Amino acid sequence: MSSIAAKLCQYRAASKLTQQAVADQLGIKTNIYGSWEAGHTYPSARYLPELAVIFGVNINELFPDNNENKWNSSTILTKKMDENEAMRLVLRSKEEVIEAKNVIIAKQLAQIEKLQHELSNWRQENVK
């Protein structure tokens, strides 16, 4: 088991969370998170800030303490972040999701208005 896998297990147990609860908070499938804890795969760098927030630890604590780190430079964060920086990344990510949902909702509302207008025109033409 990799060091990060052991740390994920340790922090999750200390937080009294299930794998499913952590996966749900990350917006991923439970088996993906389970694979991280088993050491079969590793979380991408984008999940590290949110994992730190979920477990209430400094993001630096998620990194392996020794040279057993199997991550290459393209998948690991090149600098360690403090907790505030991690929180800003999580909030920015959530704000981007909210903005994307708002755009979708606006398009759906416009489509509904168009359909209501078409229905109103159809009724005027066909119901006399």
Protein backbone atom coordinates (compact mmCIF):
# COMPACT_ATOMS: atom_id res chain seq x y z
CA MET A 1 0.00 0.00 0.00
CA SER A 2 1.36 3.42 -0.91
CA SER A 3 1.91 6.09 1.69
CA ILE A 4 -0.87 8.25 0.31
CA ALA A 5 -3.25 5.28 0.41
CA ALA A 6 -2.42 4.67 4.06
CA LYS A 7 -2.90 8.34 4.86
CA LEU A 8 -6.29 8.42 3.11
CA CYS A 9 -7.39 5.39 5.17
CA GLN A 10 -6.05 6.94 8.37
CA TYR A 11 -7.64 10.35 7.86
CA ARG A 12 -10.97 8.91 6.73
CA ALA A 13 -11.14 6.62 9.77
CA ALA A 14 -10.20 9.51 12.07
CA SER A 15 -12.96 11.59 10.47
CA LYS A 16 -15.44 8.73 10.99
CA LEU A 17 -16.46 8.85 7.34
CA THR A 18 -17.26 6.00 4.97
CA GLN A 19 -15.60 5.67 1.60
CA GLN A 20 -18.97 6.46 0.06
CA ALA A 21 -19.30 9.66 2.11
CA VAL A 22 -15.89 10.89 0.97
CA ALA A 23 -16.58 9.90 -2.64
CA ASP A 24 -19.93 11.71 -2.54
CA GLN A 25 -18.27 14.90 -1.27
CA LEU A 26 -15.72 14.67 -4.08
CA GLY A 27 -18.37 13.92 -6.70
CA ILE A 28 -16.77 10.61 -7.70
CA LYS A 29 -17.79 6.96 -7.58
CA THR A 30 -17.08 5.03 -4.39
CA ASN A 31 -14.99 2.42 -6.21
CA ILE A 32 -12.65 5.15 -7.49
CA TYR A 33 -12.03 6.41 -3.98
CA GLY A 34 -11.64 2.82 -2.74
CA SER A 35 -8.99 2.25 -5.39
CA TRP A 36 -7.04 5.21 -4.00
CA GLU A 37 -7.15 3.78 -0.48
CA ALA A 38 -6.12 0.35 -1.77
CA GLY A 39 -3.13 1.91 -3.50
CA HIS A 40 -4.21 0.67 -6.94
CA THR A 41 -4.53 4.19 -8.33
CA TYR A 42 -3.76 7.67 -7.07
CA PRO A 43 -5.96 10.76 -6.81
CA SER A 44 -5.17 13.45 -9.33
CA ALA A 45 -3.81 16.69 -7.96
CA ARG A 46 -7.17 18.41 -8.42
CA TYR A 47 -8.68 16.32 -5.60
CA LEU A 48 -5.95 16.98 -3.03
CA PRO A 49 -7.21 20.38 -1.80
CA GLU A 50 -10.72 19.05 -1.29
CA LEU A 51 -9.45 15.89 0.43
CA ALA A 52 -7.48 18.08 2.84
CA VAL A 53 -10.61 20.11 3.61
CA ILE A 54 -12.78 16.99 4.05
CA PHE A 55 -10.29 15.45 6.48
CA GLY A 56 -9.49 18.73 8.22
CA VAL A 57 -5.75 18.42 7.59
CA ASN A 58 -3.11 20.55 5.95
CA ILE A 59 -2.71 19.51 2.32
CA ASN A 60 0.98 18.80 2.99
CA GLU A 61 -0.06 15.95 5.27
CA LEU A 62 -1.50 14.04 2.30
CA PHE A 63 1.92 13.75 0.67
CA PRO A 64 4.14 10.75 1.40
CA ASP A 65 6.85 11.44 3.97
CA ASN A 66 9.58 9.54 2.17
CA ASN A 67 10.96 8.80 -1.28
CA GLU A 68 8.38 6.08 -1.99
CA ASN A 69 6.37 8.66 -3.88
CA LYS A 70 5.42 7.10 -7.23
CA TRP A 71 3.86 10.23 -8.68
CA ASN A 72 5.59 11.90 -11.57
CA SER A 73 6.00 15.64 -11.90
CA SER A 74 2.99 15.97 -14.19
CA THR A 75 0.57 14.61 -11.59
CA ILE A 76 1.90 16.03 -8.34
CA LEU A 77 1.50 19.58 -7.16
CA THR A 78 4.80 21.32 -7.63
CA LYS A 79 4.42 23.41 -4.53
CA LYS A 80 2.80 22.65 -1.22
CA MET A 81 -0.28 24.66 -0.41
CA ASP A 82 -1.43 26.02 2.87
CA GLU A 83 -4.97 25.39 4.09
CA ASN A 84 -6.28 28.77 2.92
CA GLU A 85 -4.99 28.20 -0.59
CA ALA A 86 -6.59 24.75 -0.64
CA MET A 87 -9.90 26.22 0.51
CA ARG A 88 -9.75 28.90 -2.20
CA LEU A 89 -9.24 26.20 -4.85
CA VAL A 90 -12.19 24.19 -3.55
CA LEU A 91 -14.44 27.24 -3.42
CA ARG A 92 -13.37 28.38 -6.90
CA SER A 93 -14.13 24.92 -8.26
CA LYS A 94 -17.56 24.92 -6.63
CA GLU A 95 -18.26 28.44 -7.91
CA GLU A 96 -17.38 27.29 -11.44
CA VAL A 97 -19.85 24.40 -11.11
CA ILE A 98 -22.55 26.75 -9.85
CA GLU A 99 -21.89 29.16 -12.74
CA ALA A 100 -22.08 26.30 -15.27
CA LYS A 101 -25.38 25.17 -13.75
CA ASN A 102 -26.72 28.74 -13.90
CA VAL A 103 -25.85 28.91 -17.61
CA ILE A 104 -27.68 25.62 -18.22
CA ILE A 105 -30.70 26.82 -16.24
CA ALA A 106 -30.79 30.10 -18.18
CA LYS A 107 -30.75 28.21 -21.48
CA GLN A 108 -33.50 25.88 -20.27
CA LEU A 109 -35.63 28.84 -19.13
CA ALA A 110 -35.19 30.49 -22.52
CA GLN A 111 -36.25 27.26 -24.21
CA ILE A 112 -39.30 26.99 -21.94
CA GLU A 113 -40.29 30.58 -22.74
CA LYS A 114 -39.93 29.87 -26.47
CA LEU A 115 -42.08 26.73 -26.17
CA GLN A 116 -44.71 28.59 -24.14
CA HIS A 117 -44.81 31.30 -26.83
CA GLU A 118 -45.15 28.66 -29.57
CA LEU A 119 -47.92 26.95 -27.61
CA SER A 120 -49.73 30.23 -27.14
CA ASN A 121 -49.51 30.94 -30.88
CA TRP A 122 -50.70 27.43 -31.71
CA ARG A 123 -53.69 27.79 -29.37
CA GLN A 124 -54.62 31.12 -30.95
CA GLU A 125 -54.50 29.58 -34.42
CA ASN A 126 -56.21 26.26 -33.62
CA VAL A 127 -58.63 26.88 -30.78
CA LYS A 128 -61.43 29.16 -31.93
